[in-house]
């Protein structure tokens, strides 16, 4: 944990940063798995959502969870 001391981050800050990083990647992985496992009304929608999540991870995940889940069967 002393490797981040040059950033002047204490132990609580390290755990907050760790939580945010895990939540970020968890959101992306959850969105990708949900998009891949789902069946969409439009067959090309799955490919578009997966590519959007991969190339714009945070924005793509948020938009998929708010808009893309409504276009599933």
PDB file of N, CA and C in Angstrom:
ATOM      1  N   UNK A   1       0.807  -1.192   0.000  1.00  0.00           N
ATOM      2  CA  UNK A   1       0.000   0.000   0.000  1.00  0.00           C
ATOM      3  C   UNK A   1       0.853   1.260   0.000  1.00  0.00           C
ATOM      4  N   UNK A   2       2.116   1.117   0.285  1.00  0.00           N
ATOM      5  CA  UNK A   2       2.970   2.298   0.336  1.00  0.00           C
ATOM      6  C   UNK A   2       3.343   2.808  -1.058  1.00  0.00           C
ATOM      7  N   UNK A   3       2.963   2.068  -2.101  1.00  0.00           N
ATOM      8  CA  UNK A   3       3.302   2.503  -3.449  1.00  0.00           C
ATOM      9  C   UNK A   3       2.489   3.719  -3.879  1.00  0.00           C
ATOM     10  N   UNK A   4       1.375   4.006  -3.224  1.00  0.00           N
ATOM     11  CA  UNK A   4       0.556   5.164  -3.568  1.00  0.00           C
ATOM     12  C   UNK A   4       0.783   6.348  -2.630  1.00  0.00           C
ATOM     13  N   UNK A   5       1.797   6.254  -1.790  1.00  0.00           N
ATOM     14  CA  UNK A   5       2.054   7.349  -0.863  1.00  0.00           C
ATOM     15  C   UNK A   5       2.507   8.614  -1.577  1.00  0.00           C
ATOM     16  N   UNK A   6       3.112   8.482  -2.748  1.00  0.00           N
ATOM     17  CA  UNK A   6       3.536   9.674  -3.476  1.00  0.00           C
ATOM     18  C   UNK A   6       2.341  10.487  -3.961  1.00  0.00           C
ATOM     19  N   UNK A   7       1.158   9.885  -4.021  1.00  0.00           N
ATOM     20  CA  UNK A   7      -0.054  10.603  -4.388  1.00  0.00           C
ATOM     21  C   UNK A   7      -0.717  11.268  -3.181  1.00  0.00           C
ATOM     22  N   UNK A   8      -0.148  11.048  -2.016  1.00  0.00           N
ATOM     23  CA  UNK A   8      -0.678  11.578  -0.760  1.00  0.00           C
ATOM     24  C   UNK A   8      -2.092  11.055  -0.511  1.00  0.00           C
ATOM     25  N   UNK A   9      -2.288   9.739  -0.722  1.00  0.00           N
ATOM     26  CA  UNK A   9      -3.571   9.090  -0.508  1.00  0.00           C
ATOM     27  C   UNK A   9      -3.443   8.188   0.703  1.00  0.00           C
ATOM     28  N   UNK A  10      -4.369   8.348   1.644  1.00  0.00           N
ATOM     29  CA  UNK A  10      -4.327   7.496   2.825  1.00  0.00           C
ATOM     30  C   UNK A  10      -5.027   6.167   2.550  1.00  0.00           C
ATOM     31  N   UNK A  11      -5.141   5.334   3.565  1.00  0.00           N
ATOM     32  CA  UNK A  11      -5.704   3.995   3.399  1.00  0.00           C
ATOM     33  C   UNK A  11      -7.169   4.059   2.990  1.00  0.00           C
ATOM     34  N   UNK A  12      -7.932   4.958   3.560  1.00  0.00           N
ATOM     35  CA  UNK A  12      -9.346   5.085   3.195  1.00  0.00           C
ATOM     36  C   UNK A  12      -9.472   5.507   1.731  1.00  0.00           C
ATOM     37  N   UNK A  13      -8.626   6.412   1.293  1.00  0.00           N
ATOM     38  CA  UNK A  13      -8.645   6.835  -0.099  1.00  0.00           C
ATOM     39  C   UNK A  13      -8.315   5.708  -1.044  1.00  0.00           C
ATOM     40  N   UNK A  14      -7.394   4.851  -0.644  1.00  0.00           N
ATOM     41  CA  UNK A  14      -7.029   3.699  -1.473  1.00  0.00           C
ATOM     42  C   UNK A  14      -8.216   2.755  -1.620  1.00  0.00           C
ATOM     43  N   UNK A  15      -8.939   2.525  -0.524  1.00  0.00           N
ATOM     44  CA  UNK A  15     -10.104   1.646  -0.598  1.00  0.00           C
ATOM     45  C   UNK A  15     -11.231   2.267  -1.415  1.00  0.00           C
ATOM     46  N   UNK A  16     -11.389   3.574  -1.349  1.00  0.00           N
ATOM     47  CA  UNK A  16     -12.395   4.243  -2.172  1.00  0.00           C
ATOM     48  C   UNK A  16     -12.036   4.116  -3.648  1.00  0.00           C
ATOM     49  N   UNK A  17     -10.774   4.343  -3.980  1.00  0.00           N
ATOM     50  CA  UNK A  17     -10.316   4.198  -5.359  1.00  0.00           C
ATOM     51  C   UNK A  17     -10.495   2.758  -5.834  1.00  0.00           C
ATOM     52  N   UNK A  18     -10.146   1.800  -4.993  1.00  0.00           N
ATOM     53  CA  UNK A  18     -10.306   0.392  -5.334  1.00  0.00           C
ATOM     54  C   UNK A  18     -11.769   0.047  -5.568  1.00  0.00           C
ATOM     55  N   UNK A  19     -12.664   0.556  -4.727  1.00  0.00           N
ATOM     56  CA  UNK A  19     -14.091   0.312  -4.897  1.00  0.00           C
ATOM     57  C   UNK A  19     -14.597   0.895  -6.215  1.00  0.00           C
ATOM     58  N   UNK A  20     -14.166   2.103  -6.541  1.00  0.00           N
ATOM     59  CA  UNK A  20     -14.603   2.738  -7.787  1.00  0.00           C
ATOM     60  C   UNK A  20     -14.106   1.992  -9.017  1.00  0.00           C
ATOM     61  N   UNK A  21     -12.882   1.499  -8.965  1.00  0.00           N
ATOM     62  CA  UNK A  21     -12.331   0.739 -10.094  1.00  0.00           C
ATOM     63  C   UNK A  21     -13.081  -0.575 -10.272  1.00  0.00           C
ATOM     64  N   UNK A  22     -13.358  -1.265  -9.170  1.00  0.00           N
ATOM     65  CA  UNK A  22     -14.101  -2.524  -9.247  1.00  0.00           C
ATOM     66  C   UNK A  22     -15.527  -2.276  -9.735  1.00  0.00           C
ATOM     67  N   UNK A  23     -16.169  -1.206  -9.274  1.00  0.00           N
ATOM     68  CA  UNK A  23     -17.525  -0.882  -9.725  1.00  0.00           C
ATOM     69  C   UNK A  23     -17.538  -0.534 -11.203  1.00  0.00           C
ATOM     70  N   UNK A  24     -16.524   0.183 -11.674  1.00  0.00           N
ATOM     71  CA  UNK A  24     -16.425   0.554 -13.090  1.00  0.00           C
ATOM     72  C   UNK A  24     -16.336  -0.691 -13.967  1.00  0.00           C
ATOM     73  N   UNK A  25     -15.411  -1.580 -13.651  1.00  0.00           N
ATOM     74  CA  UNK A  25     -15.255  -2.787 -14.457  1.00  0.00           C
ATOM     75  C   UNK A  25     -16.438  -3.734 -14.283  1.00  0.00           C
ATOM     76  N   UNK A  26     -17.029  -3.758 -13.098  1.00  0.00           N
ATOM     77  CA  UNK A  26     -18.225  -4.574 -12.883  1.00  0.00           C
ATOM     78  C   UNK A  26     -19.390  -4.112 -13.734  1.00  0.00           C
ATOM     79  N   UNK A  27     -19.550  -2.802 -13.872  1.00  0.00           N
ATOM     80  CA  UNK A  27     -20.605  -2.245 -14.715  1.00  0.00           C
ATOM     81  C   UNK A  27     -20.407  -2.645 -16.167  1.00  0.00           C
ATOM     82  N   UNK A  28     -19.176  -2.562 -16.630  1.00  0.00           N
ATOM     83  CA  UNK A  28     -18.879  -2.915 -18.021  1.00  0.00           C
ATOM     84  C   UNK A  28     -19.107  -4.405 -18.260  1.00  0.00           C
ATOM     85  N   UNK A  29     -18.618  -5.241 -17.375  1.00  0.00           N
ATOM     86  CA  UNK A  29     -18.770  -6.689 -17.543  1.00  0.00           C
ATOM     87  C   UNK A  29     -20.239  -7.086 -17.475  1.00  0.00           C
ATOM     88  N   UNK A  30     -20.976  -6.496 -16.528  1.00  0.00           N
ATOM     89  CA  UNK A  30     -22.408  -6.802 -16.425  1.00  0.00           C
ATOM     90  C   UNK A  30     -23.145  -6.404 -17.696  1.00  0.00           C
ATOM     91  N   UNK A  31     -22.853  -5.234 -18.217  1.00  0.00           N
ATOM     92  CA  UNK A  31     -23.515  -4.758 -19.428  1.00  0.00           C
ATOM     93  C   UNK A  31     -23.187  -5.640 -20.626  1.00  0.00           C
ATOM     94  N   UNK A  32     -21.918  -6.007 -20.760  1.00  0.00           N
ATOM     95  CA  UNK A  32     -21.519  -6.876 -21.877  1.00  0.00           C
ATOM     96  C   UNK A  32     -22.198  -8.236 -21.800  1.00  0.00           C
ATOM     97  N   UNK A  33     -22.177  -8.844 -20.623  1.00  0.00           N
ATOM     98  CA  UNK A  33     -22.802 -10.155 -20.485  1.00  0.00           C
ATOM     99  C   UNK A  33     -24.303 -10.088 -20.726  1.00  0.00           C
ATOM    100  N   UNK A  34     -24.946  -9.040 -20.246  1.00  0.00           N
ATOM    101  CA  UNK A  34     -26.379  -8.899 -20.453  1.00  0.00           C
ATOM    102  C   UNK A  34     -26.706  -8.695 -21.930  1.00  0.00           C
ATOM    103  N   UNK A  35     -25.905  -7.909 -22.620  1.00  0.00           N
ATOM    104  CA  UNK A  35     -26.142  -7.667 -24.047  1.00  0.00           C
ATOM    105  C   UNK A  35     -25.913  -8.927 -24.866  1.00  0.00           C
ATOM    106  N   UNK A  36     -24.888  -9.686 -24.539  1.00  0.00           N
ATOM    107  CA  UNK A  36     -24.577 -10.902 -25.305  1.00  0.00           C
ATOM    108  C   UNK A  36     -25.634 -11.978 -25.075  1.00  0.00           C
ATOM    109  N   UNK A  37     -26.143 -12.084 -23.863  1.00  0.00           N
ATOM    110  CA  UNK A  37     -27.119 -13.130 -23.549  1.00  0.00           C
ATOM    111  C   UNK A  37     -28.536 -12.797 -23.986  1.00  0.00           C
ATOM    112  N   UNK A  38     -28.817 -11.545 -24.299  1.00  0.00           N
ATOM    113  CA  UNK A  38     -30.178 -11.118 -24.614  1.00  0.00           C
ATOM    114  C   UNK A  38     -30.521 -11.340 -26.079  1.00  0.00           C
ATOM    115  N   UNK A  39     -31.813 -11.438 -26.331  1.00  0.00           N
ATOM    116  CA  UNK A  39     -32.337 -11.504 -27.691  1.00  0.00           C
ATOM    117  C   UNK A  39     -33.039 -10.181 -27.969  1.00  0.00           C
ATOM    118  N   UNK A  40     -32.680  -9.547 -29.069  1.00  0.00           N
ATOM    119  CA  UNK A  40     -33.216  -8.237 -29.408  1.00  0.00           C
ATOM    120  C   UNK A  40     -34.238  -8.342 -30.525  1.00  0.00           C
ATOM    121  N   UNK A  41     -35.091  -7.333 -30.626  1.00  0.00           N
ATOM    122  CA  UNK A  41     -36.084  -7.274 -31.709  1.00  0.00           C
ATOM    123  C   UNK A  41     -35.393  -7.149 -33.056  1.00  0.00           C
ATOM    124  N   UNK A  42     -34.340  -6.350 -33.114  1.00  0.00           N
ATOM    125  CA  UNK A  42     -33.556  -6.164 -34.330  1.00  0.00           C
ATOM    126  C   UNK A  42     -32.284  -7.002 -34.207  1.00  0.00           C
ATOM    127  N   UNK A  43     -32.001  -7.918 -35.144  1.00  0.00           N
ATOM    128  CA  UNK A  43     -30.832  -8.797 -35.012  1.00  0.00           C
ATOM    129  C   UNK A  43     -29.498  -8.048 -34.964  1.00  0.00           C
ATOM    130  N   UNK A  44     -29.400  -6.913 -35.629  1.00  0.00           N
ATOM    131  CA  UNK A  44     -28.141  -6.173 -35.617  1.00  0.00           C
ATOM    132  C   UNK A  44     -27.935  -5.337 -34.373  1.00  0.00           C
ATOM    133  N   UNK A  45     -28.956  -5.216 -33.548  1.00  0.00           N
ATOM    134  CA  UNK A  45     -28.855  -4.388 -32.344  1.00  0.00           C
ATOM    135  C   UNK A  45     -27.858  -4.960 -31.345  1.00  0.00           C
ATOM    136  N   UNK A  46     -27.784  -6.272 -31.263  1.00  0.00           N
ATOM    137  CA  UNK A  46     -26.847  -6.895 -30.329  1.00  0.00           C
ATOM    138  C   UNK A  46     -25.418  -6.519 -30.667  1.00  0.00           C
ATOM    139  N   UNK A  47     -25.066  -6.595 -31.936  1.00  0.00           N
ATOM    140  CA  UNK A  47     -23.711  -6.266 -32.373  1.00  0.00           C
ATOM    141  C   UNK A  47     -23.416  -4.793 -32.112  1.00  0.00           C
ATOM    142  N   UNK A  48     -24.376  -3.945 -32.393  1.00  0.00           N
ATOM    143  CA  UNK A  48     -24.178  -2.510 -32.182  1.00  0.00           C
ATOM    144  C   UNK A  48     -23.973  -2.203 -30.708  1.00  0.00           C
ATOM    145  N   UNK A  49     -24.793  -2.789 -29.840  1.00  0.00           N
ATOM    146  CA  UNK A  49     -24.647  -2.518 -28.409  1.00  0.00           C
ATOM    147  C   UNK A  49     -23.327  -3.059 -27.864  1.00  0.00           C
ATOM    148  N   UNK A  50     -22.935  -4.245 -28.294  1.00  0.00           N
ATOM    149  CA  UNK A  50     -21.671  -4.814 -27.811  1.00  0.00           C
ATOM    150  C   UNK A  50     -20.491  -3.949 -28.250  1.00  0.00           C
ATOM    151  N   UNK A  51     -20.505  -3.521 -29.509  1.00  0.00           N
ATOM    152  CA  UNK A  51     -19.426  -2.647 -29.983  1.00  0.00           C
ATOM    153  C   UNK A  51     -19.426  -1.304 -29.264  1.00  0.00           C
ATOM    154  N   UNK A  52     -20.602  -0.766 -29.010  1.00  0.00           N
ATOM    155  CA  UNK A  52     -20.697   0.509 -28.310  1.00  0.00           C
ATOM    156  C   UNK A  52     -20.182   0.384 -26.875  1.00  0.00           C
ATOM    157  N   UNK A  53     -20.488  -0.731 -26.217  1.00  0.00           N
ATOM    158  CA  UNK A  53     -19.994  -0.953 -24.849  1.00  0.00           C
ATOM    159  C   UNK A  53     -18.477  -1.143 -24.856  1.00  0.00           C
ATOM    160  N   UNK A  54     -17.952  -1.796 -25.878  1.00  0.00           N
ATOM    161  CA  UNK A  54     -16.513  -2.034 -25.933  1.00  0.00           C
ATOM    162  C   UNK A  54     -15.714  -0.769 -26.264  1.00  0.00           C
ATOM    163  N   UNK A  55     -16.230   0.064 -27.165  1.00  0.00           N
ATOM    164  CA  UNK A  55     -15.468   1.229 -27.597  1.00  0.00           C
ATOM    165  C   UNK A  55     -15.725   2.483 -26.764  1.00  0.00           C
ATOM    166  N   UNK A  56     -16.835   2.550 -26.075  1.00  0.00           N
ATOM    167  CA  UNK A  56     -17.118   3.652 -25.146  1.00  0.00           C
ATOM    168  C   UNK A  56     -17.641   3.017 -23.860  1.00  0.00           C
ATOM    169  N   UNK A  57     -16.754   2.428 -23.073  1.00  0.00           N
ATOM    170  CA  UNK A  57     -17.191   1.546 -21.982  1.00  0.00           C
ATOM    171  C   UNK A  57     -18.171   2.179 -20.986  1.00  0.00           C
ATOM    172  N   UNK A  58     -17.843   3.311 -20.425  1.00  0.00           N
ATOM    173  CA  UNK A  58     -18.721   3.867 -19.391  1.00  0.00           C
ATOM    174  C   UNK A  58     -20.019   4.387 -19.991  1.00  0.00           C
ATOM    175  N   UNK A  59     -19.907   5.209 -21.022  1.00  0.00           N
ATOM    176  CA  UNK A  59     -21.093   5.768 -21.659  1.00  0.00           C
ATOM    177  C   UNK A  59     -21.929   4.668 -22.311  1.00  0.00           C
ATOM    178  N   UNK A  60     -21.276   3.721 -22.962  1.00  0.00           N
ATOM    179  CA  UNK A  60     -21.987   2.625 -23.599  1.00  0.00           C
ATOM    180  C   UNK A  60     -22.743   1.765 -22.605  1.00  0.00           C
ATOM    181  N   UNK A  61     -22.132   1.506 -21.459  1.00  0.00           N
ATOM    182  CA  UNK A  61     -22.792   0.702 -20.434  1.00  0.00           C
ATOM    183  C   UNK A  61     -24.007   1.414 -19.864  1.00  0.00           C
ATOM    184  N   UNK A  62     -23.847   2.693 -19.567  1.00  0.00           N
ATOM    185  CA  UNK A  62     -24.962   3.464 -19.014  1.00  0.00           C
ATOM    186  C   UNK A  62     -26.108   3.557 -20.029  1.00  0.00           C
ATOM    187  N   UNK A  63     -25.775   3.849 -21.282  1.00  0.00           N
ATOM    188  CA  UNK A  63     -26.822   3.953 -22.299  1.00  0.00           C
ATOM    189  C   UNK A  63     -27.487   2.610 -22.560  1.00  0.00           C
ATOM    190  N   UNK A  64     -26.713   1.529 -22.540  1.00  0.00           N
ATOM    191  CA  UNK A  64     -27.317   0.214 -22.744  1.00  0.00           C
ATOM    192  C   UNK A  64     -28.293  -0.101 -21.613  1.00  0.00           C
ATOM    193  N   UNK A  65     -27.894   0.160 -20.383  1.00  0.00           N
ATOM    194  CA  UNK A  65     -28.766  -0.174 -19.262  1.00  0.00           C
ATOM    195  C   UNK A  65     -30.011   0.705 -19.212  1.00  0.00           C
ATOM    196  N   UNK A  66     -29.931   1.919 -19.752  1.00  0.00           N
ATOM    197  CA  UNK A  66     -31.111   2.790 -19.728  1.00  0.00           C
ATOM    198  C   UNK A  66     -31.958   2.650 -20.991  1.00  0.00           C
ATOM    199  N   UNK A  67     -31.338   2.511 -22.157  1.00  0.00           N
ATOM    200  CA  UNK A  67     -32.087   2.473 -23.414  1.00  0.00           C
ATOM    201  C   UNK A  67     -32.128   1.097 -24.065  1.00  0.00           C
ATOM    202  N   UNK A  68     -31.025   0.390 -24.033  1.00  0.00           N
ATOM    203  CA  UNK A  68     -30.916  -0.876 -24.771  1.00  0.00           C
ATOM    204  C   UNK A  68     -31.726  -2.009 -24.207  1.00  0.00           C
ATOM    205  N   UNK A  69     -31.937  -2.012 -22.915  1.00  0.00           N
ATOM    206  CA  UNK A  69     -32.703  -3.103 -22.321  1.00  0.00           C
ATOM    207  C   UNK A  69     -34.159  -3.041 -22.723  1.00  0.00           C
ATOM    208  N   UNK A  70     -34.620  -1.890 -23.168  1.00  0.00           N
ATOM    209  CA  UNK A  70     -36.011  -1.752 -23.595  1.00  0.00           C
ATOM    210  C   UNK A  70     -36.241  -2.347 -24.978  1.00  0.00           C
ATOM    211  N   UNK A  71     -35.184  -2.547 -25.755  1.00  0.00           N
ATOM    212  CA  UNK A  71     -35.354  -3.083 -27.109  1.00  0.00           C
ATOM    213  C   UNK A  71     -35.181  -4.595 -27.172  1.00  0.00           C
ATOM    214  N   UNK A  72     -35.141  -5.221 -26.017  1.00  0.00           N
ATOM    215  CA  UNK A  72     -35.038  -6.684 -25.992  1.00  0.00           C
ATOM    216  C   UNK A  72     -36.401  -7.325 -26.133  1.00  0.00           C
ATOM    217  N   UNK A  73     -36.385  -8.597 -26.497  1.00  0.00           N
ATOM    218  CA  UNK A  73     -37.645  -9.364 -26.592  1.00  0.00           C
ATOM    219  C   UNK A  73     -37.963  -9.911 -25.222  1.00  0.00           C
TER     220      UNK A  73
END
